[in-house]
Amino acid sequence: IPGSQVLKHAQVAIHAGGNGTVYQVLKQGVPAVVAPYNNDQRINAWLIKKHRLGLPVTAQGLTADQLKLLVNTLLRDPTVRQNVRSFKKLLSTADGATSAAEAITNFLSTS
């Protein structure tokens, strides 16, 4: 099932923090519980926390009760809800693929 379709119905996303998933989650305006396993995921989890878009967690030893608490915390936090709405709005006006293609084309034409 495509993540973008699932996220249209999600209230919170629980994921490892990969770049693609973080983008999909932010594009849908969904707060996240991020359980990273490698360095780029850890950086994304830190950024999610820094911008109050969700919460990072260490997956090792995580219990169902702890996960429920994290999800409920995100659902009740008005700042998180506002921040994810702001990111959703920002990303709705961005066209990353077109911007990247233009930047590459411009770079190649000046090289």
PDB file of N, CA and C in Angstrom:
ATOM      1  N   ILE A   1       0.857  -1.168   0.000  1.00  0.00           N
ATOM      2  CA  ILE A   1       0.000   0.000   0.000  1.00  0.00           C
ATOM      3  C   ILE A   1       0.906   1.235   0.000  1.00  0.00           C
ATOM      4  N   PRO A   2       0.684   2.156  -0.911  1.00  0.00           N
ATOM      5  CA  PRO A   2       1.502   3.365  -0.932  1.00  0.00           C
ATOM      6  C   PRO A   2       1.344   4.172   0.360  1.00  0.00           C
ATOM      7  N   GLY A   3       2.467   4.575   0.919  1.00  0.00           N
ATOM      8  CA  GLY A   3       2.457   5.348   2.153  1.00  0.00           C
ATOM      9  C   GLY A   3       1.630   6.608   2.054  1.00  0.00           C
ATOM     10  N   SER A   4       1.682   7.270   0.911  1.00  0.00           N
ATOM     11  CA  SER A   4       0.927   8.514   0.761  1.00  0.00           C
ATOM     12  C   SER A   4      -0.574   8.277   0.882  1.00  0.00           C
ATOM     13  N   GLN A   5      -1.048   7.111   0.472  1.00  0.00           N
ATOM     14  CA  GLN A   5      -2.474   6.793   0.599  1.00  0.00           C
ATOM     15  C   GLN A   5      -2.842   6.500   2.050  1.00  0.00           C
ATOM     16  N   VAL A   6      -1.986   5.778   2.752  1.00  0.00           N
ATOM     17  CA  VAL A   6      -2.229   5.459   4.163  1.00  0.00           C
ATOM     18  C   VAL A   6      -2.219   6.731   5.000  1.00  0.00           C
ATOM     19  N   LEU A   7      -1.272   7.606   4.712  1.00  0.00           N
ATOM     20  CA  LEU A   7      -1.105   8.824   5.516  1.00  0.00           C
ATOM     21  C   LEU A   7      -2.286   9.781   5.406  1.00  0.00           C
ATOM     22  N   LYS A   8      -3.060   9.679   4.342  1.00  0.00           N
ATOM     23  CA  LYS A   8      -4.253  10.523   4.216  1.00  0.00           C
ATOM     24  C   LYS A   8      -5.261  10.230   5.322  1.00  0.00           C
ATOM     25  N   HIS A   9      -5.157   9.031   5.921  1.00  0.00           N
ATOM     26  CA  HIS A   9      -6.103   8.613   6.956  1.00  0.00           C
ATOM     27  C   HIS A   9      -5.459   8.514   8.341  1.00  0.00           C
ATOM     28  N   ALA A  10      -4.161   8.807   8.424  1.00  0.00           N
ATOM     29  CA  ALA A  10      -3.424   8.632   9.673  1.00  0.00           C
ATOM     30  C   ALA A  10      -3.495   9.875  10.553  1.00  0.00           C
ATOM     31  N   GLN A  11      -3.472   9.649  11.855  1.00  0.00           N
ATOM     32  CA  GLN A  11      -3.377  10.758  12.806  1.00  0.00           C
ATOM     33  C   GLN A  11      -1.945  10.927  13.291  1.00  0.00           C
ATOM     34  N   VAL A  12      -1.188   9.835  13.322  1.00  0.00           N
ATOM     35  CA  VAL A  12       0.225   9.834  13.698  1.00  0.00           C
ATOM     36  C   VAL A  12       0.909   8.752  12.855  1.00  0.00           C
ATOM     37  N   ALA A  13       2.133   9.034  12.429  1.00  0.00           N
ATOM     38  CA  ALA A  13       2.920   8.042  11.698  1.00  0.00           C
ATOM     39  C   ALA A  13       4.035   7.536  12.606  1.00  0.00           C
ATOM     40  N   ILE A  14       4.239   6.236  12.616  1.00  0.00           N
ATOM     41  CA  ILE A  14       5.336   5.618  13.369  1.00  0.00           C
ATOM     42  C   ILE A  14       6.264   5.011  12.333  1.00  0.00           C
ATOM     43  N   HIS A  15       7.506   5.502  12.289  1.00  0.00           N
ATOM     44  CA  HIS A  15       8.417   5.051  11.238  1.00  0.00           C
ATOM     45  C   HIS A  15       9.870   5.209  11.673  1.00  0.00           C
ATOM     46  N   ALA A  16      10.782   4.737  10.811  1.00  0.00           N
ATOM     47  CA  ALA A  16      12.207   4.741  11.138  1.00  0.00           C
ATOM     48  C   ALA A  16      12.906   6.055  10.807  1.00  0.00           C
ATOM     49  N   GLY A  17      12.273   6.930  10.039  1.00  0.00           N
ATOM     50  CA  GLY A  17      12.868   8.233   9.781  1.00  0.00           C
ATOM     51  C   GLY A  17      13.634   8.357   8.488  1.00  0.00           C
ATOM     52  N   GLY A  18      13.368   7.476   7.534  1.00  0.00           N
ATOM     53  CA  GLY A  18      14.012   7.607   6.228  1.00  0.00           C
ATOM     54  C   GLY A  18      13.547   8.868   5.521  1.00  0.00           C
ATOM     55  N   ASN A  19      14.376   9.366   4.616  1.00  0.00           N
ATOM     56  CA  ASN A  19      14.077  10.627   3.938  1.00  0.00           C
ATOM     57  C   ASN A  19      12.722  10.613   3.229  1.00  0.00           C
ATOM     58  N   GLY A  20      12.444   9.555   2.488  1.00  0.00           N
ATOM     59  CA  GLY A  20      11.189   9.483   1.753  1.00  0.00           C
ATOM     60  C   GLY A  20       9.980   9.464   2.663  1.00  0.00           C
ATOM     61  N   THR A  21      10.065   8.706   3.731  1.00  0.00           N
ATOM     62  CA  THR A  21       8.940   8.632   4.666  1.00  0.00           C
ATOM     63  C   THR A  21       8.739   9.957   5.381  1.00  0.00           C
ATOM     64  N   VAL A  22       9.821  10.581   5.809  1.00  0.00           N
ATOM     65  CA  VAL A  22       9.701  11.883   6.472  1.00  0.00           C
ATOM     66  C   VAL A  22       9.022  12.878   5.531  1.00  0.00           C
ATOM     67  N   TYR A  23       9.425  12.882   4.269  1.00  0.00           N
ATOM     68  CA  TYR A  23       8.818  13.796   3.295  1.00  0.00           C
ATOM     69  C   TYR A  23       7.326  13.511   3.153  1.00  0.00           C
ATOM     70  N   GLN A  24       6.956  12.240   3.003  1.00  0.00           N
ATOM     71  CA  GLN A  24       5.543  11.885   2.855  1.00  0.00           C
ATOM     72  C   GLN A  24       4.734  12.296   4.085  1.00  0.00           C
ATOM     73  N   VAL A  25       5.289  12.045   5.260  1.00  0.00           N
ATOM     74  CA  VAL A  25       4.600  12.379   6.512  1.00  0.00           C
ATOM     75  C   VAL A  25       4.382  13.891   6.614  1.00  0.00           C
ATOM     76  N   LEU A  26       5.426  14.669   6.328  1.00  0.00           N
ATOM     77  CA  LEU A  26       5.303  16.126   6.404  1.00  0.00           C
ATOM     78  C   LEU A  26       4.363  16.658   5.330  1.00  0.00           C
ATOM     79  N   LYS A  27       4.415  16.067   4.146  1.00  0.00           N
ATOM     80  CA  LYS A  27       3.546  16.513   3.051  1.00  0.00           C
ATOM     81  C   LYS A  27       2.072  16.281   3.384  1.00  0.00           C
ATOM     82  N   GLN A  28       1.789  15.260   4.189  1.00  0.00           N
ATOM     83  CA  GLN A  28       0.408  14.988   4.594  1.00  0.00           C
ATOM     84  C   GLN A  28       0.019  15.707   5.882  1.00  0.00           C
ATOM     85  N   GLY A  29       0.989  16.339   6.561  1.00  0.00           N
ATOM     86  CA  GLY A  29       0.684  17.061   7.794  1.00  0.00           C
ATOM     87  C   GLY A  29       0.383  16.138   8.960  1.00  0.00           C
ATOM     88  N   VAL A  30       1.167  15.074   9.078  1.00  0.00           N
ATOM     89  CA  VAL A  30       0.954  14.075  10.125  1.00  0.00           C
ATOM     90  C   VAL A  30       2.144  14.098  11.085  1.00  0.00           C
ATOM     91  N   PRO A  31       1.903  14.193  12.399  1.00  0.00           N
ATOM     92  CA  PRO A  31       3.015  14.119  13.352  1.00  0.00           C
ATOM     93  C   PRO A  31       3.611  12.711  13.361  1.00  0.00           C
ATOM     94  N   ALA A  32       4.840  12.599  13.851  1.00  0.00           N
ATOM     95  CA  ALA A  32       5.547  11.331  13.746  1.00  0.00           C
ATOM     96  C   ALA A  32       6.226  10.906  15.040  1.00  0.00           C
ATOM     97  N   VAL A  33       6.211   9.601  15.264  1.00  0.00           N
ATOM     98  CA  VAL A  33       7.080   8.954  16.232  1.00  0.00           C
ATOM     99  C   VAL A  33       8.164   8.298  15.381  1.00  0.00           C
ATOM    100  N   VAL A  34       9.415   8.708  15.592  1.00  0.00           N
ATOM    101  CA  VAL A  34      10.511   8.253  14.748  1.00  0.00           C
ATOM    102  C   VAL A  34      11.461   7.383  15.556  1.00  0.00           C
ATOM    103  N   ALA A  35      11.657   6.147  15.098  1.00  0.00           N
ATOM    104  CA  ALA A  35      12.563   5.188  15.736  1.00  0.00           C
ATOM    105  C   ALA A  35      13.701   4.886  14.760  1.00  0.00           C
ATOM    106  N   PRO A  36      14.738   5.715  14.750  1.00  0.00           N
ATOM    107  CA  PRO A  36      15.803   5.583  13.751  1.00  0.00           C
ATOM    108  C   PRO A  36      16.747   4.406  14.029  1.00  0.00           C
ATOM    109  N   TYR A  37      17.342   3.912  12.931  1.00  0.00           N
ATOM    110  CA  TYR A  37      18.315   2.813  13.022  1.00  0.00           C
ATOM    111  C   TYR A  37      19.683   3.203  12.495  1.00  0.00           C
ATOM    112  N   ASN A  38      19.769   4.203  11.633  1.00  0.00           N
ATOM    113  CA  ASN A  38      21.072   4.590  11.089  1.00  0.00           C
ATOM    114  C   ASN A  38      21.236   6.107  11.165  1.00  0.00           C
ATOM    115  N   ASN A  39      22.385   6.579  10.723  1.00  0.00           N
ATOM    116  CA  ASN A  39      22.722   7.991  10.950  1.00  0.00           C
ATOM    117  C   ASN A  39      21.785   8.975  10.264  1.00  0.00           C
ATOM    118  N   ASP A  40      21.441   8.748   8.987  1.00  0.00           N
ATOM    119  CA  ASP A  40      20.563   9.731   8.347  1.00  0.00           C
ATOM    120  C   ASP A  40      19.185   9.729   8.998  1.00  0.00           C
ATOM    121  N   GLN A  41      18.724   8.579   9.469  1.00  0.00           N
ATOM    122  CA  GLN A  41      17.451   8.517  10.176  1.00  0.00           C
ATOM    123  C   GLN A  41      17.543   9.232  11.520  1.00  0.00           C
ATOM    124  N   ARG A  42      18.688   9.119  12.189  1.00  0.00           N
ATOM    125  CA  ARG A  42      18.885   9.829  13.460  1.00  0.00           C
ATOM    126  C   ARG A  42      18.853  11.340  13.249  1.00  0.00           C
ATOM    127  N   ILE A  43      19.454  11.789  12.166  1.00  0.00           N
ATOM    128  CA  ILE A  43      19.431  13.222  11.849  1.00  0.00           C
ATOM    129  C   ILE A  43      17.992  13.662  11.601  1.00  0.00           C
ATOM    130  N   ASN A  44      17.252  12.881  10.831  1.00  0.00           N
ATOM    131  CA  ASN A  44      15.847  13.228  10.572  1.00  0.00           C
ATOM    132  C   ASN A  44      15.030  13.226  11.860  1.00  0.00           C
ATOM    133  N   ALA A  45      15.275  12.269  12.729  1.00  0.00           N
ATOM    134  CA  ALA A  45      14.558  12.222  14.014  1.00  0.00           C
ATOM    135  C   ALA A  45      14.881  13.465  14.840  1.00  0.00           C
ATOM    136  N   TRP A  46      16.136  13.876  14.835  1.00  0.00           N
ATOM    137  CA  TRP A  46      16.527  15.087  15.551  1.00  0.00           C
ATOM    138  C   TRP A  46      15.825  16.309  14.971  1.00  0.00           C
ATOM    139  N   LEU A  47      15.756  16.397  13.644  1.00  0.00           N
ATOM    140  CA  LEU A  47      15.082  17.525  13.003  1.00  0.00           C
ATOM    141  C   LEU A  47      13.585  17.529  13.299  1.00  0.00           C
ATOM    142  N   ILE A  48      12.978  16.352  13.308  1.00  0.00           N
ATOM    143  CA  ILE A  48      11.557  16.238  13.659  1.00  0.00           C
ATOM    144  C   ILE A  48      11.339  16.775  15.074  1.00  0.00           C
ATOM    145  N   LYS A  49      12.230  16.397  15.993  1.00  0.00           N
ATOM    146  CA  LYS A  49      12.119  16.888  17.373  1.00  0.00           C
ATOM    147  C   LYS A  49      12.379  18.394  17.442  1.00  0.00           C
ATOM    148  N   LYS A  50      13.438  18.843  16.785  1.00  0.00           N
ATOM    149  CA  LYS A  50      13.825  20.260  16.827  1.00  0.00           C
ATOM    150  C   LYS A  50      12.680  21.162  16.362  1.00  0.00           C
ATOM    151  N   HIS A  51      11.987  20.745  15.321  1.00  0.00           N
ATOM    152  CA  HIS A  51      10.914  21.562  14.754  1.00  0.00           C
ATOM    153  C   HIS A  51       9.539  21.222  15.332  1.00  0.00           C
ATOM    154  N   ARG A  52       9.540  20.399  16.369  1.00  0.00           N
ATOM    155  CA  ARG A  52       8.307  20.001  17.071  1.00  0.00           C
ATOM    156  C   ARG A  52       7.252  19.475  16.104  1.00  0.00           C
ATOM    157  N   LEU A  53       7.690  18.483  15.318  1.00  0.00           N
ATOM    158  CA  LEU A  53       6.815  17.817  14.364  1.00  0.00           C
ATOM    159  C   LEU A  53       6.530  16.383  14.800  1.00  0.00           C
ATOM    160  N   GLY A  54       7.125  15.980  15.896  1.00  0.00           N
ATOM    161  CA  GLY A  54       6.973  14.630  16.396  1.00  0.00           C
ATOM    162  C   GLY A  54       7.998  14.355  17.476  1.00  0.00           C
ATOM    163  N   LEU A  55       8.147  13.074  17.778  1.00  0.00           N
ATOM    164  CA  LEU A  55       9.048  12.659  18.849  1.00  0.00           C
ATOM    165  C   LEU A  55       9.949  11.522  18.398  1.00  0.00           C
ATOM    166  N   PRO A  56      11.240  11.600  18.727  1.00  0.00           N
ATOM    167  CA  PRO A  56      12.134  10.480  18.464  1.00  0.00           C
ATOM    168  C   PRO A  56      12.055   9.467  19.605  1.00  0.00           C
ATOM    169  N   VAL A  57      12.384   8.234  19.308  1.00  0.00           N
ATOM    170  CA  VAL A  57      12.361   7.186  20.312  1.00  0.00           C
ATOM    171  C   VAL A  57      13.397   6.129  19.935  1.00  0.00           C
ATOM    172  N   THR A  58      13.929   5.462  20.933  1.00  0.00           N
ATOM    173  CA  THR A  58      14.796   4.318  20.687  1.00  0.00           C
ATOM    174  C   THR A  58      13.917   3.086  20.635  1.00  0.00           C
ATOM    175  N   ALA A  59      13.961   2.367  19.543  1.00  0.00           N
ATOM    176  CA  ALA A  59      13.065   1.215  19.357  1.00  0.00           C
ATOM    177  C   ALA A  59      13.400   0.068  20.308  1.00  0.00           C
ATOM    178  N   GLN A  60      14.674  -0.093  20.624  1.00  0.00           N
ATOM    179  CA  GLN A  60      15.077  -1.193  21.493  1.00  0.00           C
ATOM    180  C   GLN A  60      14.456  -1.032  22.870  1.00  0.00           C
ATOM    181  N   GLY A  61      13.683  -2.017  23.279  1.00  0.00           N
ATOM    182  CA  GLY A  61      13.062  -2.003  24.591  1.00  0.00           C
ATOM    183  C   GLY A  61      11.769  -1.210  24.670  1.00  0.00           C
ATOM    184  N   LEU A  62      11.342  -0.632  23.556  1.00  0.00           N
ATOM    185  CA  LEU A  62      10.103   0.149  23.541  1.00  0.00           C
ATOM    186  C   LEU A  62       8.910  -0.774  23.784  1.00  0.00           C
ATOM    187  N   THR A  63       8.047  -0.371  24.697  1.00  0.00           N
ATOM    188  CA  THR A  63       6.863  -1.178  24.996  1.00  0.00           C
ATOM    189  C   THR A  63       5.638  -0.568  24.314  1.00  0.00           C
ATOM    190  N   ALA A  64       4.588  -1.357  24.230  1.00  0.00           N
ATOM    191  CA  ALA A  64       3.336  -0.876  23.645  1.00  0.00           C
ATOM    192  C   ALA A  64       2.784   0.294  24.461  1.00  0.00           C
ATOM    193  N   ASP A  65       2.890   0.217  25.774  1.00  0.00           N
ATOM    194  CA  ASP A  65       2.394   1.310  26.620  1.00  0.00           C
ATOM    195  C   ASP A  65       3.172   2.599  26.382  1.00  0.00           C
ATOM    196  N   GLN A  66       4.481   2.489  26.231  1.00  0.00           N
ATOM    197  CA  GLN A  66       5.292   3.674  25.959  1.00  0.00           C
ATOM    198  C   GLN A  66       4.928   4.275  24.600  1.00  0.00           C
ATOM    199  N   LEU A  67       4.719   3.404  23.611  1.00  0.00           N
ATOM    200  CA  LEU A  67       4.346   3.873  22.288  1.00  0.00           C
ATOM    201  C   LEU A  67       2.987   4.570  22.321  1.00  0.00           C
ATOM    202  N   LYS A  68       2.043   3.999  23.054  1.00  0.00           N
ATOM    203  CA  LYS A  68       0.727   4.638  23.205  1.00  0.00           C
ATOM    204  C   LYS A  68       0.861   6.015  23.832  1.00  0.00           C
ATOM    205  N   LEU A  69       1.703   6.136  24.855  1.00  0.00           N
ATOM    206  CA  LEU A  69       1.919   7.422  25.511  1.00  0.00           C
ATOM    207  C   LEU A  69       2.485   8.447  24.530  1.00  0.00           C
ATOM    208  N   LEU A  70       3.458   8.039  23.716  1.00  0.00           N
ATOM    209  CA  LEU A  70       4.037   8.943  22.725  1.00  0.00           C
ATOM    210  C   LEU A  70       2.983   9.409  21.720  1.00  0.00           C
ATOM    211  N   VAL A  71       2.192   8.474  21.225  1.00  0.00           N
ATOM    212  CA  VAL A  71       1.148   8.817  20.258  1.00  0.00           C
ATOM    213  C   VAL A  71       0.140   9.771  20.882  1.00  0.00           C
ATOM    214  N   ASN A  72      -0.306   9.462  22.081  1.00  0.00           N
ATOM    215  CA  ASN A  72      -1.277  10.332  22.752  1.00  0.00           C
ATOM    216  C   ASN A  72      -0.706  11.716  23.042  1.00  0.00           C
ATOM    217  N   THR A  73       0.565  11.778  23.382  1.00  0.00           N
ATOM    218  CA  THR A  73       1.226  13.060  23.605  1.00  0.00           C
ATOM    219  C   THR A  73       1.175  13.909  22.340  1.00  0.00           C
ATOM    220  N   LEU A  74       1.478  13.291  21.204  1.00  0.00           N
ATOM    221  CA  LEU A  74       1.446  14.027  19.938  1.00  0.00           C
ATOM    222  C   LEU A  74       0.032  14.471  19.579  1.00  0.00           C
ATOM    223  N   LEU A  75      -0.925  13.614  19.819  1.00  0.00           N
ATOM    224  CA  LEU A  75      -2.312  13.942  19.474  1.00  0.00           C
ATOM    225  C   LEU A  75      -2.855  15.104  20.302  1.00  0.00           C
ATOM    226  N   ARG A  76      -2.335  15.268  21.519  1.00  0.00           N
ATOM    227  CA  ARG A  76      -2.827  16.322  22.416  1.00  0.00           C
ATOM    228  C   ARG A  76      -2.035  17.625  22.331  1.00  0.00           C
ATOM    229  N   ASP A  77      -0.924  17.617  21.629  1.00  0.00           N
ATOM    230  CA  ASP A  77      -0.040  18.789  21.616  1.00  0.00           C
ATOM    231  C   ASP A  77      -0.442  19.762  20.493  1.00  0.00           C
ATOM    232  N   PRO A  78      -1.035  20.913  20.848  1.00  0.00           N
ATOM    233  CA  PRO A  78      -1.479  21.849  19.814  1.00  0.00           C
ATOM    234  C   PRO A  78      -0.321  22.451  19.009  1.00  0.00           C
ATOM    235  N   THR A  79       0.841  22.578  19.626  1.00  0.00           N
ATOM    236  CA  THR A  79       1.995  23.121  18.908  1.00  0.00           C
ATOM    237  C   THR A  79       2.433  22.169  17.805  1.00  0.00           C
ATOM    238  N   VAL A  80       2.479  20.885  18.105  1.00  0.00           N
ATOM    239  CA  VAL A  80       2.840  19.884  17.095  1.00  0.00           C
ATOM    240  C   VAL A  80       1.825  19.921  15.954  1.00  0.00           C
ATOM    241  N   ARG A  81       0.543  19.949  16.293  1.00  0.00           N
ATOM    242  CA  ARG A  81      -0.490  19.990  15.250  1.00  0.00           C
ATOM    243  C   ARG A  81      -0.319  21.216  14.351  1.00  0.00           C
ATOM    244  N   GLN A  82      -0.071  22.372  14.957  1.00  0.00           N
ATOM    245  CA  GLN A  82       0.124  23.595  14.173  1.00  0.00           C
ATOM    246  C   GLN A  82       1.378  23.491  13.310  1.00  0.00           C
ATOM    247  N   ASN A  83       2.445  22.963  13.862  1.00  0.00           N
ATOM    248  CA  ASN A  83       3.697  22.858  13.111  1.00  0.00           C
ATOM    249  C   ASN A  83       3.567  21.928  11.913  1.00  0.00           C
ATOM    250  N   VAL A  84       2.898  20.785  12.078  1.00  0.00           N
ATOM    251  CA  VAL A  84       2.753  19.879  10.935  1.00  0.00           C
ATOM    252  C   VAL A  84       1.826  20.486   9.884  1.00  0.00           C
ATOM    253  N   ARG A  85       0.825  21.249  10.315  1.00  0.00           N
ATOM    254  CA  ARG A  85      -0.040  21.947   9.337  1.00  0.00           C
ATOM    255  C   ARG A  85       0.780  22.967   8.545  1.00  0.00           C
ATOM    256  N   SER A  86       1.673  23.669   9.238  1.00  0.00           N
ATOM    257  CA  SER A  86       2.517  24.664   8.559  1.00  0.00           C
ATOM    258  C   SER A  86       3.433  24.002   7.541  1.00  0.00           C
ATOM    259  N   PHE A  87       4.037  22.875   7.920  1.00  0.00           N
ATOM    260  CA  PHE A  87       4.909  22.166   6.988  1.00  0.00           C
ATOM    261  C   PHE A  87       4.112  21.627   5.804  1.00  0.00           C
ATOM    262  N   LYS A  88       2.907  21.139   6.063  1.00  0.00           N
ATOM    263  CA  LYS A  88       2.057  20.644   4.977  1.00  0.00           C
ATOM    264  C   LYS A  88       1.783  21.765   3.981  1.00  0.00           C
ATOM    265  N   LYS A  89       1.447  22.939   4.499  1.00  0.00           N
ATOM    266  CA  LYS A  89       1.178  24.082   3.627  1.00  0.00           C
ATOM    267  C   LYS A  89       2.425  24.461   2.831  1.00  0.00           C
ATOM    268  N   LEU A  90       3.556  24.507   3.502  1.00  0.00           N
ATOM    269  CA  LEU A  90       4.816  24.831   2.833  1.00  0.00           C
ATOM    270  C   LEU A  90       5.118  23.839   1.715  1.00  0.00           C
ATOM    271  N   LEU A  91       4.962  22.557   2.001  1.00  0.00           N
ATOM    272  CA  LEU A  91       5.282  21.541   1.000  1.00  0.00           C
ATOM    273  C   LEU A  91       4.258  21.480  -0.123  1.00  0.00           C
ATOM    274  N   SER A  92       3.048  21.945   0.131  1.00  0.00           N
ATOM    275  CA  SER A  92       2.040  21.934  -0.929  1.00  0.00           C
ATOM    276  C   SER A  92       2.383  22.924  -2.037  1.00  0.00           C
ATOM    277  N   THR A  93       3.197  23.918  -1.721  1.00  0.00           N
ATOM    278  CA  THR A  93       3.588  24.908  -2.726  1.00  0.00           C
ATOM    279  C   THR A  93       4.947  24.598  -3.343  1.00  0.00           C
ATOM    280  N   ALA A  94       5.626  23.592  -2.831  1.00  0.00           N
ATOM    281  CA  ALA A  94       6.963  23.244  -3.328  1.00  0.00           C
ATOM    282  C   ALA A  94       6.853  22.141  -4.383  1.00  0.00           C
ATOM    283  N   ASP A  95       7.684  22.238  -5.381  1.00  0.00           N
ATOM    284  CA  ASP A  95       7.766  21.191  -6.393  1.00  0.00           C
ATOM    285  C   ASP A  95       9.221  20.761  -6.478  1.00  0.00           C
ATOM    286  N   GLY A  96       9.590  19.865  -5.565  1.00  0.00           N
ATOM    287  CA  GLY A  96      10.986  19.455  -5.436  1.00  0.00           C
ATOM    288  C   GLY A  96      11.569  18.861  -6.704  1.00  0.00           C
ATOM    289  N   ALA A  97      10.802  18.039  -7.400  1.00  0.00           N
ATOM    290  CA  ALA A  97      11.325  17.388  -8.608  1.00  0.00           C
ATOM    291  C   ALA A  97      11.641  18.424  -9.691  1.00  0.00           C
ATOM    292  N   THR A  98      10.738  19.357  -9.903  1.00  0.00           N
ATOM    293  CA  THR A  98      10.965  20.398 -10.913  1.00  0.00           C
ATOM    294  C   THR A  98      12.124  21.295 -10.509  1.00  0.00           C
ATOM    295  N   SER A  99      12.170  21.676  -9.239  1.00  0.00           N
ATOM    296  CA  SER A  99      13.274  22.521  -8.757  1.00  0.00           C
ATOM    297  C   SER A  99      14.615  21.824  -8.918  1.00  0.00           C
ATOM    298  N   ALA A 100      14.667  20.546  -8.596  1.00  0.00           N
ATOM    299  CA  ALA A 100      15.916  19.788  -8.737  1.00  0.00           C
ATOM    300  C   ALA A 100      16.317  19.684 -10.205  1.00  0.00           C
ATOM    301  N   ALA A 101      15.363  19.390 -11.079  1.00  0.00           N
ATOM    302  CA  ALA A 101      15.663  19.274 -12.508  1.00  0.00           C
ATOM    303  C   ALA A 101      16.192  20.596 -13.058  1.00  0.00           C
ATOM    304  N   GLU A 102      15.579  21.707 -12.644  1.00  0.00           N
ATOM    305  CA  GLU A 102      16.044  23.023 -13.095  1.00  0.00           C
ATOM    306  C   GLU A 102      17.450  23.318 -12.585  1.00  0.00           C
ATOM    307  N   ALA A 103      17.715  22.992 -11.333  1.00  0.00           N
ATOM    308  CA  ALA A 103      19.054  23.233 -10.770  1.00  0.00           C
ATOM    309  C   ALA A 103      20.113  22.406 -11.495  1.00  0.00           C
ATOM    310  N   ILE A 104      19.780  21.162 -11.787  1.00  0.00           N
ATOM    311  CA  ILE A 104      20.743  20.293 -12.504  1.00  0.00           C
ATOM    312  C   ILE A 104      20.968  20.806 -13.907  1.00  0.00           C
ATOM    313  N   THR A 105      19.898  21.168 -14.593  1.00  0.00           N
ATOM    314  CA  THR A 105      20.009  21.693 -15.956  1.00  0.00           C
ATOM    315  C   THR A 105      20.844  22.967 -15.974  1.00  0.00           C
ATOM    316  N   ASN A 106      20.577  23.878 -15.036  1.00  0.00           N
ATOM    317  CA  ASN A 106      21.352  25.125 -14.946  1.00  0.00           C
ATOM    318  C   ASN A 106      22.818  24.845 -14.670  1.00  0.00           C
ATOM    319  N   PHE A 107      23.098  23.907 -13.765  1.00  0.00           N
ATOM    320  CA  PHE A 107      24.481  23.562 -13.434  1.00  0.00           C
ATOM    321  C   PHE A 107      25.202  22.993 -14.655  1.00  0.00           C
ATOM    322  N   LEU A 108      24.524  22.085 -15.353  1.00  0.00           N
ATOM    323  CA  LEU A 108      25.145  21.452 -16.513  1.00  0.00           C
ATOM    324  C   LEU A 108      25.361  22.442 -17.669  1.00  0.00           C
ATOM    325  N   SER A 109      24.470  23.406 -17.789  1.00  0.00           N
ATOM    326  CA  SER A 109      24.609  24.371 -18.891  1.00  0.00           C
ATOM    327  C   SER A 109      25.744  25.380 -18.635  1.00  0.00           C
ATOM    328  N   THR A 110      26.134  25.536 -17.376  1.00  0.00           N
ATOM    329  CA  THR A 110      27.230  26.473 -17.069  1.00  0.00           C
ATOM    330  C   THR A 110      28.556  25.751 -16.899  1.00  0.00           C
ATOM    331  N   SER A 111      28.566  24.435 -16.961  1.00  0.00           N
ATOM    332  CA  SER A 111      29.812  23.678 -16.778  1.00  0.00           C
ATOM    333  C   SER A 111      30.541  23.470 -18.080  1.00  0.00           C
TER     334      SER A 111
END
